[in-house]
Each structure stands twice: as C-alpha cells, then as structure tokens.
C-alpha cells in the first residue's frame, strides 16, 4: 500500500521574520511524503547486492594499483533444526585500480554480496574520483 500526503500546513509561530516564514511555507508546500507499508518497503529492499561507495583522489589513483576495503555482509540461512538464522560476516576485498578509470564507474564482483540460502548478491563498488 502506498499513500502520498501533503505536508503543507500551518507551522508553529516563531521569532523568524515574515519573509523567512513565507520562504519556509513555500518550501514545505512543495514536499510530499510517501508512506509505504512494511511489505512494500521490504520488497524494494530485498536485493542481495551490496553497494559500496569508494572515494579516491586522482593523485591517489595514479600512485596505487589496488586498495583493500573492509566491509560486512548479511548471511541468511535455515539451520539444521529448521529455524531461520541471520548473521553478519566481516571480510576484506582487494580492488584493482588503474589510472584511466572514470568517475562514477561501477566495479562488479559477483557473489560477494549478501547471501540468502543458496543465492548470493554482487558487490558493486561505485568509484568517485575527486581532483
């Protein structure tokens, strides 16, 4: 179930100037909040892929050929007694880098994401390069 509601309404009185209050009212009038049920949220967030933003400068990129990142993933499985178990696993991953990589490049490492029973997601490294 998805429901949208309008957030515009009267704000409590403050000591702010009338101009500032008008600006806040105008801004708040444009905001819409979307309420979704937990089931809908869970469907949208049930992917097993791990997204990891990696920020690196152009000078660091030219000086190194790899970097090691530390992260954790969720492992969900059914135990031998039939109960569902969930645990976190910490691991390290070496990421190969080269000088001519582009900003916002996505590096994909299959099978290194979250796991659920026999399925495993991918580790997706989103490279952000600063100058």
C-alpha atoms as a PDB file:
ATOM      1  CA  UNK A   1       0.000   0.000   0.000  1.00  0.00           C
ATOM      2  CA  UNK A   2       1.375   3.363  -0.991  1.00  0.00           C
ATOM      3  CA  UNK A   3      -0.158   6.620   0.137  1.00  0.00           C
ATOM      4  CA  UNK A   4       1.010  10.141  -0.539  1.00  0.00           C
ATOM      5  CA  UNK A   5       0.142  13.038   1.688  1.00  0.00           C
ATOM      6  CA  UNK A   6       0.621  16.748   1.500  1.00  0.00           C
ATOM      7  CA  UNK A   7       2.837  18.232   4.212  1.00  0.00           C
ATOM      8  CA  UNK A   8       1.747  21.779   3.730  1.00  0.00           C
ATOM      9  CA  UNK A   9       0.090  23.133   6.812  1.00  0.00           C
ATOM     10  CA  UNK A  10       0.413  25.761   9.415  1.00  0.00           C
ATOM     11  CA  UNK A  11       3.798  25.917  11.079  1.00  0.00           C
ATOM     12  CA  UNK A  12       4.127  26.874  14.747  1.00  0.00           C
ATOM     13  CA  UNK A  13       4.805  30.540  15.398  1.00  0.00           C
ATOM     14  CA  UNK A  14       8.474  31.520  15.670  1.00  0.00           C
ATOM     15  CA  UNK A  15      10.521  34.640  16.100  1.00  0.00           C
ATOM     16  CA  UNK A  16      11.587  34.486  12.451  1.00  0.00           C
ATOM     17  CA  UNK A  17      10.787  37.338  10.119  1.00  0.00           C
ATOM     18  CA  UNK A  18       7.697  37.216   7.945  1.00  0.00           C
ATOM     19  CA  UNK A  19       9.866  36.826   4.839  1.00  0.00           C
ATOM     20  CA  UNK A  20      11.605  33.751   6.296  1.00  0.00           C
ATOM     21  CA  UNK A  21       8.260  32.245   7.302  1.00  0.00           C
ATOM     22  CA  UNK A  22       6.955  32.744   3.767  1.00  0.00           C
ATOM     23  CA  UNK A  23      10.046  31.022   2.358  1.00  0.00           C
ATOM     24  CA  UNK A  24       9.579  28.077   4.705  1.00  0.00           C
ATOM     25  CA  UNK A  25       5.871  27.822   3.822  1.00  0.00           C
ATOM     26  CA  UNK A  26       6.715  27.876   0.100  1.00  0.00           C
ATOM     27  CA  UNK A  27       9.375  25.205   0.541  1.00  0.00           C
ATOM     28  CA  UNK A  28       7.175  22.965   2.696  1.00  0.00           C
ATOM     29  CA  UNK A  29       4.305  23.301   0.259  1.00  0.00           C
ATOM     30  CA  UNK A  30       6.391  21.512  -2.380  1.00  0.00           C
ATOM     31  CA  UNK A  31       7.213  18.493  -0.185  1.00  0.00           C
ATOM     32  CA  UNK A  32       5.174  15.327  -0.473  1.00  0.00           C
ATOM     33  CA  UNK A  33       5.747  12.410   1.884  1.00  0.00           C
ATOM     34  CA  UNK A  34       5.178   8.920   0.585  1.00  0.00           C
ATOM     35  CA  UNK A  35       4.013   6.420   3.154  1.00  0.00           C
ATOM     36  CA  UNK A  36       4.505   2.777   2.231  1.00  0.00           C
ATOM     37  CA  UNK A  37       3.702  -0.410   4.063  1.00  0.00           C
ATOM     38  CA  UNK A  38       6.485  -2.521   5.529  1.00  0.00           C
ATOM     39  CA  UNK A  39       5.771  -5.266   2.988  1.00  0.00           C
ATOM     40  CA  UNK A  40       6.249  -2.828   0.103  1.00  0.00           C
ATOM     41  CA  UNK A  41       9.433  -1.452   1.685  1.00  0.00           C
ATOM     42  CA  UNK A  42      10.747  -4.992   2.181  1.00  0.00           C
ATOM     43  CA  UNK A  43      10.119  -5.890  -1.479  1.00  0.00           C
ATOM     44  CA  UNK A  44      12.008  -2.782  -2.596  1.00  0.00           C
ATOM     45  CA  UNK A  45      14.950  -3.527  -0.286  1.00  0.00           C
ATOM     46  CA  UNK A  46      15.236  -7.299  -0.608  1.00  0.00           C
ATOM     47  CA  UNK A  47      18.058  -7.286  -3.150  1.00  0.00           C
ATOM     48  CA  UNK A  48      21.201  -9.115  -2.135  1.00  0.00           C
ATOM     49  CA  UNK A  49      23.601  -6.728  -3.879  1.00  0.00           C
ATOM     50  CA  UNK A  50      25.948  -4.675  -1.690  1.00  0.00           C
ATOM     51  CA  UNK A  51      26.661  -1.117  -2.814  1.00  0.00           C
ATOM     52  CA  UNK A  52      29.948   0.336  -1.593  1.00  0.00           C
ATOM     53  CA  UNK A  53      30.967   3.913  -2.465  1.00  0.00           C
ATOM     54  CA  UNK A  54      34.741   4.222  -2.862  1.00  0.00           C
ATOM     55  CA  UNK A  55      36.068   7.787  -2.828  1.00  0.00           C
ATOM     56  CA  UNK A  56      39.588   8.313  -4.117  1.00  0.00           C
ATOM     57  CA  UNK A  57      41.527  11.281  -5.431  1.00  0.00           C
ATOM     58  CA  UNK A  58      43.068  11.389  -8.906  1.00  0.00           C
ATOM     59  CA  UNK A  59      46.567  11.596  -7.328  1.00  0.00           C
ATOM     60  CA  UNK A  60      45.927   8.514  -5.157  1.00  0.00           C
ATOM     61  CA  UNK A  61      44.642   6.681  -8.213  1.00  0.00           C
ATOM     62  CA  UNK A  62      47.867   7.400 -10.094  1.00  0.00           C
ATOM     63  CA  UNK A  63      50.030   6.206  -7.159  1.00  0.00           C
ATOM     64  CA  UNK A  64      48.378   2.853  -6.406  1.00  0.00           C
ATOM     65  CA  UNK A  65      47.221  -0.135  -8.414  1.00  0.00           C
ATOM     66  CA  UNK A  66      44.902  -1.595  -5.761  1.00  0.00           C
ATOM     67  CA  UNK A  67      43.220  -0.911  -2.452  1.00  0.00           C
ATOM     68  CA  UNK A  68      41.738  -3.156   0.218  1.00  0.00           C
ATOM     69  CA  UNK A  69      38.297  -2.398   1.605  1.00  0.00           C
ATOM     70  CA  UNK A  70      36.781  -3.854   4.766  1.00  0.00           C
ATOM     71  CA  UNK A  71      33.055  -4.486   4.834  1.00  0.00           C
ATOM     72  CA  UNK A  72      30.426  -6.854   6.129  1.00  0.00           C
ATOM     73  CA  UNK A  73      27.566  -8.742   4.583  1.00  0.00           C
ATOM     74  CA  UNK A  74      24.441 -10.459   5.855  1.00  0.00           C
ATOM     75  CA  UNK A  75      24.100 -14.209   5.579  1.00  0.00           C
ATOM     76  CA  UNK A  76      20.613 -15.676   5.969  1.00  0.00           C
ATOM     77  CA  UNK A  77      20.050 -19.423   6.046  1.00  0.00           C
ATOM     78  CA  UNK A  78      17.903 -22.134   7.564  1.00  0.00           C
ATOM     79  CA  UNK A  79      19.685 -24.076  10.314  1.00  0.00           C
ATOM     80  CA  UNK A  80      19.564 -27.839  10.709  1.00  0.00           C
ATOM     81  CA  UNK A  81      16.674 -27.560  13.204  1.00  0.00           C
ATOM     82  CA  UNK A  82      14.611 -25.579  10.663  1.00  0.00           C
ATOM     83  CA  UNK A  83      14.988 -22.123  12.206  1.00  0.00           C
ATOM     84  CA  UNK A  84      15.973 -19.140  10.086  1.00  0.00           C
ATOM     85  CA  UNK A  85      19.286 -17.656  11.171  1.00  0.00           C
ATOM     86  CA  UNK A  86      20.882 -14.375  10.179  1.00  0.00           C
ATOM     87  CA  UNK A  87      24.450 -13.372  10.862  1.00  0.00           C
ATOM     88  CA  UNK A  88      26.930 -10.706   9.793  1.00  0.00           C
ATOM     89  CA  UNK A  89      30.222 -11.695   8.205  1.00  0.00           C
ATOM     90  CA  UNK A  90      33.163  -9.294   8.038  1.00  0.00           C
ATOM     91  CA  UNK A  91      35.542  -9.649   5.116  1.00  0.00           C
ATOM     92  CA  UNK A  92      38.141  -7.795   3.095  1.00  0.00           C
ATOM     93  CA  UNK A  93      38.221  -7.359  -0.649  1.00  0.00           C
ATOM     94  CA  UNK A  94      41.106  -6.160  -2.797  1.00  0.00           C
ATOM     95  CA  UNK A  95      40.004  -3.753  -5.502  1.00  0.00           C
ATOM     96  CA  UNK A  96      42.175  -3.384  -8.610  1.00  0.00           C
ATOM     97  CA  UNK A  97      42.552   0.196  -9.801  1.00  0.00           C
ATOM     98  CA  UNK A  98      44.054   1.805 -12.887  1.00  0.00           C
ATOM     99  CA  UNK A  99      44.853   5.415 -13.744  1.00  0.00           C
ATOM    100  CA  UNK A 100      42.358   5.791 -16.579  1.00  0.00           C
ATOM    101  CA  UNK A 101      39.267   4.853 -14.539  1.00  0.00           C
ATOM    102  CA  UNK A 102      36.298   7.193 -14.916  1.00  0.00           C
ATOM    103  CA  UNK A 103      34.298   8.885 -12.172  1.00  0.00           C
ATOM    104  CA  UNK A 104      31.083   7.028 -11.172  1.00  0.00           C
ATOM    105  CA  UNK A 105      32.393   3.775 -12.651  1.00  0.00           C
ATOM    106  CA  UNK A 106      30.756   0.675 -11.135  1.00  0.00           C
ATOM    107  CA  UNK A 107      33.020  -2.305 -10.456  1.00  0.00           C
ATOM    108  CA  UNK A 108      31.108  -5.575 -10.110  1.00  0.00           C
ATOM    109  CA  UNK A 109      32.323  -8.515  -8.017  1.00  0.00           C
ATOM    110  CA  UNK A 110      29.836 -11.393  -8.483  1.00  0.00           C
ATOM    111  CA  UNK A 111      28.885 -13.474  -5.448  1.00  0.00           C
ATOM    112  CA  UNK A 112      30.403 -11.153  -2.819  1.00  0.00           C
ATOM    113  CA  UNK A 113      27.129  -9.514  -1.732  1.00  0.00           C
ATOM    114  CA  UNK A 114      24.630 -10.613   0.889  1.00  0.00           C
ATOM    115  CA  UNK A 115      23.604 -14.273   0.905  1.00  0.00           C
ATOM    116  CA  UNK A 116      20.233 -15.901   1.398  1.00  0.00           C
ATOM    117  CA  UNK A 117      20.221 -19.694   1.360  1.00  0.00           C
ATOM    118  CA  UNK A 118      21.920 -20.635  -1.940  1.00  0.00           C
ATOM    119  CA  UNK A 119      21.597 -17.195  -3.573  1.00  0.00           C
ATOM    120  CA  UNK A 120      24.332 -14.572  -3.367  1.00  0.00           C
ATOM    121  CA  UNK A 121      24.263 -10.967  -4.476  1.00  0.00           C
ATOM    122  CA  UNK A 122      27.054  -8.985  -6.071  1.00  0.00           C
ATOM    123  CA  UNK A 123      29.418  -6.443  -4.551  1.00  0.00           C
ATOM    124  CA  UNK A 124      29.083  -3.210  -6.523  1.00  0.00           C
ATOM    125  CA  UNK A 125      31.869  -0.678  -5.947  1.00  0.00           C
ATOM    126  CA  UNK A 126      30.869   2.835  -7.057  1.00  0.00           C
ATOM    127  CA  UNK A 127      34.052   4.752  -7.735  1.00  0.00           C
ATOM    128  CA  UNK A 128      34.016   8.500  -7.032  1.00  0.00           C
ATOM    129  CA  UNK A 129      37.154  10.292  -8.187  1.00  0.00           C
ATOM    130  CA  UNK A 130      37.960  13.765  -6.904  1.00  0.00           C
ATOM    131  CA  UNK A 131      40.544  16.099  -8.409  1.00  0.00           C
END
